[in-house]
Amino acid sequence: GRIGAIVHFLDVGGIQPPEAAGLEAVLSGLRSTFEDDDKLLAAA
C-alpha cells in the first residue's frame, strides 16, 4: 500500500509521500542510464 501511494503520486499526482522524491530521482537516473528496457527493468 505504501509503495502504491508513491507510484500513484509520481504517476498522476495527489498527496506526496515522503519517499516519492527519492524514488523519482533513482528511477530517473536509471532511465537515463539504460537504453535497453529489459536492463532498465532489471535495475528497477
PDB file of all heavy atoms in Angstrom:
ATOM      1  N   GLY A   1       0.816  -1.211   0.000  1.00  0.00           N
ATOM      2  CA  GLY A   1       0.000   0.000   0.000  1.00  0.00           C
ATOM      3  C   GLY A   1       0.847   1.257   0.000  1.00  0.00           C
ATOM      4  O   GLY A   1       0.531   2.246  -0.665  1.00  0.00           O
ATOM      5  N   ARG A   2       1.947   1.220   0.745  1.00  0.00           N
ATOM      6  CA  ARG A   2       2.825   2.390   0.791  1.00  0.00           C
ATOM      7  C   ARG A   2       3.542   2.594  -0.542  1.00  0.00           C
ATOM      8  O   ARG A   2       3.703   3.730  -0.999  1.00  0.00           O
ATOM      9  CB  ARG A   2       3.826   2.247   1.934  1.00  0.00           C
ATOM     10  CG  ARG A   2       3.158   2.341   3.310  1.00  0.00           C
ATOM     11  CD  ARG A   2       4.170   2.333   4.439  1.00  0.00           C
ATOM     12  NE  ARG A   2       4.934   3.570   4.478  1.00  0.00           N
ATOM     13  CZ  ARG A   2       5.878   3.831   5.391  1.00  0.00           C
ATOM     14  NH1 ARG A   2       6.177   2.920   6.302  1.00  0.00           N
ATOM     15  NH2 ARG A   2       6.527   4.969   5.368  1.00  0.00           N
ATOM     16  N   ILE A   3       3.966   1.499  -1.157  1.00  0.00           N
ATOM     17  CA  ILE A   3       4.561   1.626  -2.487  1.00  0.00           C
ATOM     18  C   ILE A   3       3.522   2.148  -3.472  1.00  0.00           C
ATOM     19  O   ILE A   3       3.807   3.013  -4.309  1.00  0.00           O
ATOM     20  CB  ILE A   3       5.139   0.283  -2.964  1.00  0.00           C
ATOM     21  CG1 ILE A   3       6.301  -0.144  -2.056  1.00  0.00           C
ATOM     22  CG2 ILE A   3       5.620   0.390  -4.410  1.00  0.00           C
ATOM     23  CD1 ILE A   3       6.878  -1.505  -2.382  1.00  0.00           C
ATOM     24  N   GLY A   4       2.306   1.645  -3.357  1.00  0.00           N
ATOM     25  CA  GLY A   4       1.228   2.108  -4.229  1.00  0.00           C
ATOM     26  C   GLY A   4       0.985   3.597  -4.114  1.00  0.00           C
ATOM     27  O   GLY A   4       0.738   4.278  -5.114  1.00  0.00           O
ATOM     28  N   ALA A   5       1.062   4.130  -2.895  1.00  0.00           N
ATOM     29  CA  ALA A   5       0.851   5.567  -2.700  1.00  0.00           C
ATOM     30  C   ALA A   5       1.936   6.379  -3.403  1.00  0.00           C
ATOM     31  O   ALA A   5       1.662   7.448  -3.968  1.00  0.00           O
ATOM     32  CB  ALA A   5       0.832   5.887  -1.208  1.00  0.00           C
ATOM     33  N   ILE A   6       3.167   5.884  -3.381  1.00  0.00           N
ATOM     34  CA  ILE A   6       4.270   6.578  -4.055  1.00  0.00           C
ATOM     35  C   ILE A   6       4.084   6.535  -5.567  1.00  0.00           C
ATOM     36  O   ILE A   6       4.203   7.556  -6.264  1.00  0.00           O
ATOM     37  CB  ILE A   6       5.619   5.946  -3.673  1.00  0.00           C
ATOM     38  CG1 ILE A   6       5.863   6.050  -2.171  1.00  0.00           C
ATOM     39  CG2 ILE A   6       6.761   6.625  -4.431  1.00  0.00           C
ATOM     40  CD1 ILE A   6       7.068   5.250  -1.686  1.00  0.00           C
ATOM     41  N   VAL A   7       3.780   5.331  -6.088  1.00  0.00           N
ATOM     42  CA  VAL A   7       3.587   5.179  -7.524  1.00  0.00           C
ATOM     43  C   VAL A   7       2.431   6.055  -7.987  1.00  0.00           C
ATOM     44  O   VAL A   7       2.509   6.724  -9.029  1.00  0.00           O
ATOM     45  CB  VAL A   7       3.334   3.697  -7.877  1.00  0.00           C
ATOM     46  CG1 VAL A   7       2.959   3.539  -9.351  1.00  0.00           C
ATOM     47  CG2 VAL A   7       4.571   2.859  -7.556  1.00  0.00           C
ATOM     48  N   HIS A   8       1.353   6.070  -7.218  1.00  0.00           N
ATOM     49  CA  HIS A   8       0.192   6.896  -7.569  1.00  0.00           C
ATOM     50  C   HIS A   8       0.592   8.358  -7.695  1.00  0.00           C
ATOM     51  O   HIS A   8       0.265   9.019  -8.687  1.00  0.00           O
ATOM     52  CB  HIS A   8      -0.894   6.741  -6.498  1.00  0.00           C
ATOM     53  CG  HIS A   8      -2.153   7.494  -6.812  1.00  0.00           C
ATOM     54  ND1 HIS A   8      -3.298   6.874  -7.250  1.00  0.00           N
ATOM     55  CD2 HIS A   8      -2.441   8.829  -6.770  1.00  0.00           C
ATOM     56  CE1 HIS A   8      -4.232   7.773  -7.462  1.00  0.00           C
ATOM     57  NE2 HIS A   8      -3.730   8.978  -7.175  1.00  0.00           N
ATOM     58  N   PHE A   9       1.307   8.872  -6.696  1.00  0.00           N
ATOM     59  CA  PHE A   9       1.697  10.288  -6.732  1.00  0.00           C
ATOM     60  C   PHE A   9       2.590  10.587  -7.923  1.00  0.00           C
ATOM     61  O   PHE A   9       2.387  11.582  -8.629  1.00  0.00           O
ATOM     62  CB  PHE A   9       2.414  10.672  -5.439  1.00  0.00           C
ATOM     63  CG  PHE A   9       3.007  12.052  -5.502  1.00  0.00           C
ATOM     64  CD1 PHE A   9       2.201  13.175  -5.347  1.00  0.00           C
ATOM     65  CD2 PHE A   9       4.363  12.233  -5.756  1.00  0.00           C
ATOM     66  CE1 PHE A   9       2.733  14.449  -5.450  1.00  0.00           C
ATOM     67  CE2 PHE A   9       4.906  13.502  -5.853  1.00  0.00           C
ATOM     68  CZ  PHE A   9       4.080  14.620  -5.688  1.00  0.00           C
ATOM     69  N   LEU A  10       3.579   9.738  -8.173  1.00  0.00           N
ATOM     70  CA  LEU A  10       4.517  10.002  -9.261  1.00  0.00           C
ATOM     71  C   LEU A  10       3.865   9.850 -10.630  1.00  0.00           C
ATOM     72  O   LEU A  10       4.326  10.441 -11.612  1.00  0.00           O
ATOM     73  CB  LEU A  10       5.727   9.076  -9.152  1.00  0.00           C
ATOM     74  CG  LEU A  10       6.644   9.323  -7.946  1.00  0.00           C
ATOM     75  CD1 LEU A  10       7.783   8.308  -7.923  1.00  0.00           C
ATOM     76  CD2 LEU A  10       7.207  10.753  -7.962  1.00  0.00           C
ATOM     77  N   ASP A  11       2.773   9.094 -10.697  1.00  0.00           N
ATOM     78  CA  ASP A  11       2.123   8.876 -11.992  1.00  0.00           C
ATOM     79  C   ASP A  11       1.037   9.906 -12.274  1.00  0.00           C
ATOM     80  O   ASP A  11       0.949  10.419 -13.391  1.00  0.00           O
ATOM     81  CB  ASP A  11       1.522   7.468 -12.051  1.00  0.00           C
ATOM     82  CG  ASP A  11       1.224   7.031 -13.478  1.00  0.00           C
ATOM     83  OD1 ASP A  11       2.105   7.187 -14.343  1.00  0.00           O
ATOM     84  OD2 ASP A  11       0.117   6.538 -13.732  1.00  0.00           O
ATOM     85  N   VAL A  12       0.233  10.227 -11.281  1.00  0.00           N
ATOM     86  CA  VAL A  12      -0.903  11.129 -11.542  1.00  0.00           C
ATOM     87  C   VAL A  12      -1.010  12.285 -10.556  1.00  0.00           C
ATOM     88  O   VAL A  12      -1.928  13.101 -10.644  1.00  0.00           O
ATOM     89  CB  VAL A  12      -2.241  10.348 -11.563  1.00  0.00           C
ATOM     90  CG1 VAL A  12      -2.251   9.336 -12.694  1.00  0.00           C
ATOM     91  CG2 VAL A  12      -2.518   9.667 -10.226  1.00  0.00           C
ATOM     92  N   GLY A  13      -0.096  12.368  -9.599  1.00  0.00           N
ATOM     93  CA  GLY A  13      -0.164  13.467  -8.631  1.00  0.00           C
ATOM     94  C   GLY A  13      -1.002  13.102  -7.424  1.00  0.00           C
ATOM     95  O   GLY A  13      -1.360  11.957  -7.195  1.00  0.00           O
ATOM     96  N   GLY A  14      -1.299  14.117  -6.610  1.00  0.00           N
ATOM     97  CA  GLY A  14      -2.076  13.908  -5.389  1.00  0.00           C
ATOM     98  C   GLY A  14      -1.253  14.204  -4.158  1.00  0.00           C
ATOM     99  O   GLY A  14      -0.455  15.150  -4.142  1.00  0.00           O
ATOM    100  N   ILE A  15      -1.426  13.406  -3.119  1.00  0.00           N
ATOM    101  CA  ILE A  15      -0.699  13.598  -1.867  1.00  0.00           C
ATOM    102  C   ILE A  15       0.685  12.978  -1.991  1.00  0.00           C
ATOM    103  O   ILE A  15       0.828  11.819  -2.353  1.00  0.00           O
ATOM    104  CB  ILE A  15      -1.468  12.961  -0.691  1.00  0.00           C
ATOM    105  CG1 ILE A  15      -2.840  13.629  -0.542  1.00  0.00           C
ATOM    106  CG2 ILE A  15      -0.679  13.078   0.605  1.00  0.00           C
ATOM    107  CD1 ILE A  15      -3.742  12.963   0.465  1.00  0.00           C
ATOM    108  N   GLN A  16       1.720  13.765  -1.665  1.00  0.00           N
ATOM    109  CA  GLN A  16       3.095  13.303  -1.857  1.00  0.00           C
ATOM    110  C   GLN A  16       3.629  12.560  -0.639  1.00  0.00           C
ATOM    111  O   GLN A  16       3.820  13.146   0.419  1.00  0.00           O
ATOM    112  CB  GLN A  16       4.020  14.480  -2.171  1.00  0.00           C
ATOM    113  CG  GLN A  16       5.467  14.055  -2.388  1.00  0.00           C
ATOM    114  CD  GLN A  16       6.336  15.178  -2.879  1.00  0.00           C
ATOM    115  OE1 GLN A  16       5.896  16.296  -3.056  1.00  0.00           O
ATOM    116  NE2 GLN A  16       7.608  14.881  -3.108  1.00  0.00           N
ATOM    117  N   PRO A  17       3.907  11.254  -0.772  1.00  0.00           N
ATOM    118  CA  PRO A  17       4.571  10.531   0.314  1.00  0.00           C
ATOM    119  C   PRO A  17       6.015  11.014   0.447  1.00  0.00           C
ATOM    120  O   PRO A  17       6.624  11.465  -0.540  1.00  0.00           O
ATOM    121  CB  PRO A  17       4.531   9.066  -0.148  1.00  0.00           C
ATOM    122  CG  PRO A  17       3.473   9.024  -1.206  1.00  0.00           C
ATOM    123  CD  PRO A  17       3.529  10.356  -1.872  1.00  0.00           C
ATOM    124  N   PRO A  18       6.598  10.940   1.633  1.00  0.00           N
ATOM    125  CA  PRO A  18       7.954  11.458   1.825  1.00  0.00           C
ATOM    126  C   PRO A  18       9.014  10.763   0.974  1.00  0.00           C
ATOM    127  O   PRO A  18      10.042  11.348   0.661  1.00  0.00           O
ATOM    128  CB  PRO A  18       8.206  11.238   3.325  1.00  0.00           C
ATOM    129  CG  PRO A  18       7.176  10.258   3.773  1.00  0.00           C
ATOM    130  CD  PRO A  18       6.000  10.452   2.887  1.00  0.00           C
ATOM    131  N   GLU A  19       8.775   9.506   0.582  1.00  0.00           N
ATOM    132  CA  GLU A  19       9.772   8.774  -0.189  1.00  0.00           C
ATOM    133  C   GLU A  19       9.683   9.019  -1.695  1.00  0.00           C
ATOM    134  O   GLU A  19      10.521   8.542  -2.466  1.00  0.00           O
ATOM    135  CB  GLU A  19       9.633   7.261   0.058  1.00  0.00           C
ATOM    136  CG  GLU A  19       9.733   6.833   1.518  1.00  0.00           C
ATOM    137  CD  GLU A  19       8.412   6.935   2.268  1.00  0.00           C
ATOM    138  OE1 GLU A  19       7.381   7.321   1.637  1.00  0.00           O
ATOM    139  OE2 GLU A  19       8.386   6.636   3.471  1.00  0.00           O
ATOM    140  N   ALA A  20       8.677   9.767  -2.135  1.00  0.00           N
ATOM    141  CA  ALA A  20       8.419   9.901  -3.574  1.00  0.00           C
ATOM    142  C   ALA A  20       9.572  10.566  -4.319  1.00  0.00           C
ATOM    143  O   ALA A  20       9.975  10.100  -5.392  1.00  0.00           O
ATOM    144  CB  ALA A  20       7.129  10.682  -3.805  1.00  0.00           C
ATOM    145  N   ALA A  21      10.105  11.648  -3.766  1.00  0.00           N
ATOM    146  CA  ALA A  21      11.170  12.366  -4.472  1.00  0.00           C
ATOM    147  C   ALA A  21      12.400  11.487  -4.652  1.00  0.00           C
ATOM    148  O   ALA A  21      13.045  11.505  -5.718  1.00  0.00           O
ATOM    149  CB  ALA A  21      11.534  13.635  -3.708  1.00  0.00           C
ATOM    150  N   GLY A  22      12.726  10.693  -3.634  1.00  0.00           N
ATOM    151  CA  GLY A  22      13.884   9.809  -3.737  1.00  0.00           C
ATOM    152  C   GLY A  22      13.702   8.746  -4.798  1.00  0.00           C
ATOM    153  O   GLY A  22      14.611   8.482  -5.602  1.00  0.00           O
ATOM    154  N   LEU A  23      12.509   8.115  -4.819  1.00  0.00           N
ATOM    155  CA  LEU A  23      12.260   7.083  -5.820  1.00  0.00           C
ATOM    156  C   LEU A  23      12.269   7.682  -7.219  1.00  0.00           C
ATOM    157  O   LEU A  23      12.839   7.093  -8.150  1.00  0.00           O
ATOM    158  CB  LEU A  23      10.917   6.394  -5.553  1.00  0.00           C
ATOM    159  CG  LEU A  23      10.549   5.288  -6.552  1.00  0.00           C
ATOM    160  CD1 LEU A  23      11.567   4.156  -6.511  1.00  0.00           C
ATOM    161  CD2 LEU A  23       9.151   4.746  -6.291  1.00  0.00           C
ATOM    162  N   GLU A  24      11.688   8.849  -7.376  1.00  0.00           N
ATOM    163  CA  GLU A  24      11.673   9.507  -8.686  1.00  0.00           C
ATOM    164  C   GLU A  24      13.095   9.778  -9.165  1.00  0.00           C
ATOM    165  O   GLU A  24      13.425   9.548 -10.331  1.00  0.00           O
ATOM    166  CB  GLU A  24      10.883  10.809  -8.605  1.00  0.00           C
ATOM    167  CG  GLU A  24      10.805  11.548  -9.934  1.00  0.00           C
ATOM    168  CD  GLU A  24      10.035  12.842  -9.832  1.00  0.00           C
ATOM    169  OE1 GLU A  24      10.041  13.469  -8.755  1.00  0.00           O
ATOM    170  OE2 GLU A  24       9.419  13.247 -10.841  1.00  0.00           O
ATOM    171  N   ALA A  25      13.949  10.259  -8.265  1.00  0.00           N
ATOM    172  CA  ALA A  25      15.326  10.567  -8.639  1.00  0.00           C
ATOM    173  C   ALA A  25      16.075   9.310  -9.070  1.00  0.00           C
ATOM    174  O   ALA A  25      16.799   9.308 -10.079  1.00  0.00           O
ATOM    175  CB  ALA A  25      16.046  11.253  -7.474  1.00  0.00           C
ATOM    176  N   VAL A  26      15.909   8.229  -8.310  1.00  0.00           N
ATOM    177  CA  VAL A  26      16.609   6.982  -8.632  1.00  0.00           C
ATOM    178  C   VAL A  26      16.128   6.415  -9.973  1.00  0.00           C
ATOM    179  O   VAL A  26      16.939   6.045 -10.841  1.00  0.00           O
ATOM    180  CB  VAL A  26      16.420   5.937  -7.512  1.00  0.00           C
ATOM    181  CG1 VAL A  26      16.967   4.585  -7.944  1.00  0.00           C
ATOM    182  CG2 VAL A  26      17.108   6.403  -6.237  1.00  0.00           C
ATOM    183  N   LEU A  27      14.813   6.357 -10.170  1.00  0.00           N
ATOM    184  CA  LEU A  27      14.289   5.801 -11.420  1.00  0.00           C
ATOM    185  C   LEU A  27      14.650   6.680 -12.618  1.00  0.00           C
ATOM    186  O   LEU A  27      14.923   6.177 -13.711  1.00  0.00           O
ATOM    187  CB  LEU A  27      12.772   5.633 -11.329  1.00  0.00           C
ATOM    188  CG  LEU A  27      12.273   4.579 -10.336  1.00  0.00           C
ATOM    189  CD1 LEU A  27      10.756   4.493 -10.372  1.00  0.00           C
ATOM    190  CD2 LEU A  27      12.889   3.215 -10.618  1.00  0.00           C
ATOM    191  N   SER A  28      14.654   7.978 -12.406  1.00  0.00           N
ATOM    192  CA  SER A  28      15.054   8.883 -13.488  1.00  0.00           C
ATOM    193  C   SER A  28      16.502   8.641 -13.877  1.00  0.00           C
ATOM    194  O   SER A  28      16.849   8.611 -15.071  1.00  0.00           O
ATOM    195  CB  SER A  28      14.865  10.340 -13.046  1.00  0.00           C
ATOM    196  OG  SER A  28      15.272  11.229 -14.057  1.00  0.00           O
ATOM    197  N   GLY A  29      17.369   8.434 -12.874  1.00  0.00           N
ATOM    198  CA  GLY A  29      18.761   8.138 -13.160  1.00  0.00           C
ATOM    199  C   GLY A  29      18.931   6.830 -13.905  1.00  0.00           C
ATOM    200  O   GLY A  29      19.714   6.733 -14.859  1.00  0.00           O
ATOM    201  N   LEU A  30      18.180   5.811 -13.496  1.00  0.00           N
ATOM    202  CA  LEU A  30      18.257   4.521 -14.179  1.00  0.00           C
ATOM    203  C   LEU A  30      17.757   4.638 -15.621  1.00  0.00           C
ATOM    204  O   LEU A  30      18.336   4.044 -16.545  1.00  0.00           O
ATOM    205  CB  LEU A  30      17.428   3.475 -13.431  1.00  0.00           C
ATOM    206  CG  LEU A  30      17.935   3.062 -12.044  1.00  0.00           C
ATOM    207  CD1 LEU A  30      16.968   2.060 -11.408  1.00  0.00           C
ATOM    208  CD2 LEU A  30      19.328   2.463 -12.131  1.00  0.00           C
ATOM    209  N   ARG A  31      16.702   5.404 -15.802  1.00  0.00           N
ATOM    210  CA  ARG A  31      16.120   5.541 -17.139  1.00  0.00           C
ATOM    211  C   ARG A  31      17.085   6.225 -18.109  1.00  0.00           C
ATOM    212  O   ARG A  31      17.106   5.927 -19.298  1.00  0.00           O
ATOM    213  CB  ARG A  31      14.818   6.339 -17.031  1.00  0.00           C
ATOM    214  CG  ARG A  31      13.836   6.129 -18.198  1.00  0.00           C
ATOM    215  CD  ARG A  31      12.498   6.672 -17.789  1.00  0.00           C
ATOM    216  NE  ARG A  31      11.471   6.404 -18.776  1.00  0.00           N
ATOM    217  CZ  ARG A  31      10.951   7.317 -19.576  1.00  0.00           C
ATOM    218  NH1 ARG A  31      11.401   8.552 -19.528  1.00  0.00           N
ATOM    219  NH2 ARG A  31       9.997   7.009 -20.423  1.00  0.00           N
ATOM    220  N   SER A  32      17.874   7.156 -17.575  1.00  0.00           N
ATOM    221  CA  SER A  32      18.856   7.822 -18.434  1.00  0.00           C
ATOM    222  C   SER A  32      20.113   6.985 -18.626  1.00  0.00           C
ATOM    223  O   SER A  32      20.899   7.226 -19.544  1.00  0.00           O
ATOM    224  CB  SER A  32      19.232   9.185 -17.827  1.00  0.00           C
ATOM    225  OG  SER A  32      19.868   9.026 -16.571  1.00  0.00           O
ATOM    226  N   THR A  33      20.293   5.981 -17.782  1.00  0.00           N
ATOM    227  CA  THR A  33      21.479   5.113 -17.860  1.00  0.00           C
ATOM    228  C   THR A  33      21.270   3.952 -18.827  1.00  0.00           C
ATOM    229  O   THR A  33      22.177   3.585 -19.585  1.00  0.00           O
ATOM    230  CB  THR A  33      21.833   4.558 -16.473  1.00  0.00           C
ATOM    231  OG1 THR A  33      22.090   5.649 -15.580  1.00  0.00           O
ATOM    232  CG2 THR A  33      23.051   3.650 -16.536  1.00  0.00           C
ATOM    233  N   PHE A  34      20.058   3.365 -18.799  1.00  0.00           N
ATOM    234  CA  PHE A  34      19.787   2.158 -19.593  1.00  0.00           C
ATOM    235  C   PHE A  34      18.858   2.474 -20.763  1.00  0.00           C
ATOM    236  O   PHE A  34      17.705   2.869 -20.559  1.00  0.00           O
ATOM    237  CB  PHE A  34      19.152   1.081 -18.713  1.00  0.00           C
ATOM    238  CG  PHE A  34      20.049   0.598 -17.605  1.00  0.00           C
ATOM    239  CD1 PHE A  34      19.858   1.036 -16.301  1.00  0.00           C
ATOM    240  CD2 PHE A  34      21.082  -0.285 -17.862  1.00  0.00           C
ATOM    241  CE1 PHE A  34      20.676   0.603 -15.270  1.00  0.00           C
ATOM    242  CE2 PHE A  34      21.908  -0.728 -16.849  1.00  0.00           C
ATOM    243  CZ  PHE A  34      21.715  -0.280 -15.546  1.00  0.00           C
ATOM    244  N   GLU A  35      19.370   2.296 -21.976  1.00  0.00           N
ATOM    245  CA  GLU A  35      18.546   2.468 -23.168  1.00  0.00           C
ATOM    246  C   GLU A  35      17.698   1.222 -23.428  1.00  0.00           C
ATOM    247  O   GLU A  35      16.619   1.307 -23.998  1.00  0.00           O
ATOM    248  CB  GLU A  35      19.428   2.762 -24.387  1.00  0.00           C
ATOM    249  CG  GLU A  35      20.138   4.102 -24.338  1.00  0.00           C
ATOM    250  CD  GLU A  35      19.172   5.267 -24.439  1.00  0.00           C
ATOM    251  OE1 GLU A  35      18.083   5.095 -25.032  1.00  0.00           O
ATOM    252  OE2 GLU A  35      19.499   6.349 -23.920  1.00  0.00           O
ATOM    253  N   ASP A  36      18.217   0.072 -22.993  1.00  0.00           N
ATOM    254  CA  ASP A  36      17.502  -1.198 -23.173  1.00  0.00           C
ATOM    255  C   ASP A  36      16.476  -1.359 -22.054  1.00  0.00           C
ATOM    256  O   ASP A  36      16.806  -1.302 -20.871  1.00  0.00           O
ATOM    257  CB  ASP A  36      18.500  -2.358 -23.140  1.00  0.00           C
ATOM    258  CG  ASP A  36      17.817  -3.693 -23.373  1.00  0.00           C
ATOM    259  OD1 ASP A  36      17.360  -4.302 -22.377  1.00  0.00           O
ATOM    260  OD2 ASP A  36      17.737  -4.116 -24.534  1.00  0.00           O
ATOM    261  N   ASP A  37      15.208  -1.548 -22.411  1.00  0.00           N
ATOM    262  CA  ASP A  37      14.142  -1.594 -21.418  1.00  0.00           C
ATOM    263  C   ASP A  37      14.242  -2.806 -20.498  1.00  0.00           C
ATOM    264  O   ASP A  37      13.862  -2.730 -19.330  1.00  0.00           O
ATOM    265  CB  ASP A  37      12.766  -1.570 -22.106  1.00  0.00           C
ATOM    266  CG  ASP A  37      12.447  -0.205 -22.688  1.00  0.00           C
ATOM    267  OD1 ASP A  37      13.179   0.763 -22.377  1.00  0.00           O
ATOM    268  OD2 ASP A  37      11.475  -0.100 -23.463  1.00  0.00           O
ATOM    269  N   ASP A  38      14.756  -3.932 -20.991  1.00  0.00           N
ATOM    270  CA  ASP A  38      14.929  -5.103 -20.125  1.00  0.00           C
ATOM    271  C   ASP A  38      15.985  -4.830 -19.051  1.00  0.00           C
ATOM    272  O   ASP A  38      15.821  -5.219 -17.892  1.00  0.00           O
ATOM    273  CB  ASP A  38      15.330  -6.324 -20.953  1.00  0.00           C
ATOM    274  CG  ASP A  38      14.175  -6.869 -21.789  1.00  0.00           C
ATOM    275  OD1 ASP A  38      13.050  -6.943 -21.254  1.00  0.00           O
ATOM    276  OD2 ASP A  38      14.398  -7.203 -22.961  1.00  0.00           O
ATOM    277  N   LYS A  39      17.054  -4.154 -19.431  1.00  0.00           N
ATOM    278  CA  LYS A  39      18.092  -3.805 -18.459  1.00  0.00           C
ATOM    279  C   LYS A  39      17.586  -2.765 -17.465  1.00  0.00           C
ATOM    280  O   LYS A  39      17.911  -2.808 -16.278  1.00  0.00           O
ATOM    281  CB  LYS A  39      19.342  -3.303 -19.181  1.00  0.00           C
ATOM    282  CG  LYS A  39      20.050  -4.376 -19.985  1.00  0.00           C
ATOM    283  CD  LYS A  39      21.287  -3.829 -20.687  1.00  0.00           C
ATOM    284  CE  LYS A  39      21.999  -4.920 -21.486  1.00  0.00           C
ATOM    285  NZ  LYS A  39      23.190  -4.410 -22.205  1.00  0.00           N
ATOM    286  N   LEU A  40      16.797  -1.822 -17.974  1.00  0.00           N
ATOM    287  CA  LEU A  40      16.195  -0.829 -17.085  1.00  0.00           C
ATOM    288  C   LEU A  40      15.311  -1.515 -16.056  1.00  0.00           C
ATOM    289  O   LEU A  40      15.381  -1.221 -14.853  1.00  0.00           O
ATOM    290  CB  LEU A  40      15.372   0.167 -17.909  1.00  0.00           C
ATOM    291  CG  LEU A  40      14.460   1.124 -17.136  1.00  0.00           C
ATOM    292  CD1 LEU A  40      15.262   2.002 -16.178  1.00  0.00           C
ATOM    293  CD2 LEU A  40      13.650   1.989 -18.109  1.00  0.00           C
ATOM    294  N   LEU A  41      14.488  -2.455 -16.497  1.00  0.00           N
ATOM    295  CA  LEU A  41      13.592  -3.158 -15.584  1.00  0.00           C
ATOM    296  C   LEU A  41      14.379  -3.967 -14.562  1.00  0.00           C
ATOM    297  O   LEU A  41      14.046  -3.974 -13.369  1.00  0.00           O
ATOM    298  CB  LEU A  41      12.653  -4.065 -16.369  1.00  0.00           C
ATOM    299  CG  LEU A  41      11.633  -4.849 -15.546  1.00  0.00           C
ATOM    300  CD1 LEU A  41      10.718  -3.905 -14.779  1.00  0.00           C
ATOM    301  CD2 LEU A  41      10.813  -5.768 -16.445  1.00  0.00           C
ATOM    302  N   ALA A  42      15.435  -4.644 -15.010  1.00  0.00           N
ATOM    303  CA  ALA A  42      16.242  -5.442 -14.088  1.00  0.00           C
ATOM    304  C   ALA A  42      16.837  -4.568 -12.995  1.00  0.00           C
ATOM    305  O   ALA A  42      16.877  -4.950 -11.817  1.00  0.00           O
ATOM    306  CB  ALA A  42      17.349  -6.168 -14.856  1.00  0.00           C
ATOM    307  N   ALA A  43      17.296  -3.374 -13.363  1.00  0.00           N
ATOM    308  CA  ALA A  43      17.849  -2.452 -12.364  1.00  0.00           C
ATOM    309  C   ALA A  43      16.758  -1.948 -11.432  1.00  0.00           C
ATOM    310  O   ALA A  43      16.962  -1.815 -10.217  1.00  0.00           O
ATOM    311  CB  ALA A  43      18.538  -1.293 -13.066  1.00  0.00           C
ATOM    312  N   ALA A  44      15.579  -1.660 -11.974  1.00  0.00           N
ATOM    313  CA  ALA A  44      14.476  -1.166 -11.157  1.00  0.00           C
ATOM    314  C   ALA A  44      13.980  -2.207 -10.172  1.00  0.00           C
ATOM    315  O   ALA A  44      13.502  -1.867  -9.081  1.00  0.00           O
ATOM    316  CB  ALA A  44      13.326  -0.700 -12.054  1.00  0.00           C
TER     317      ALA A  44
END
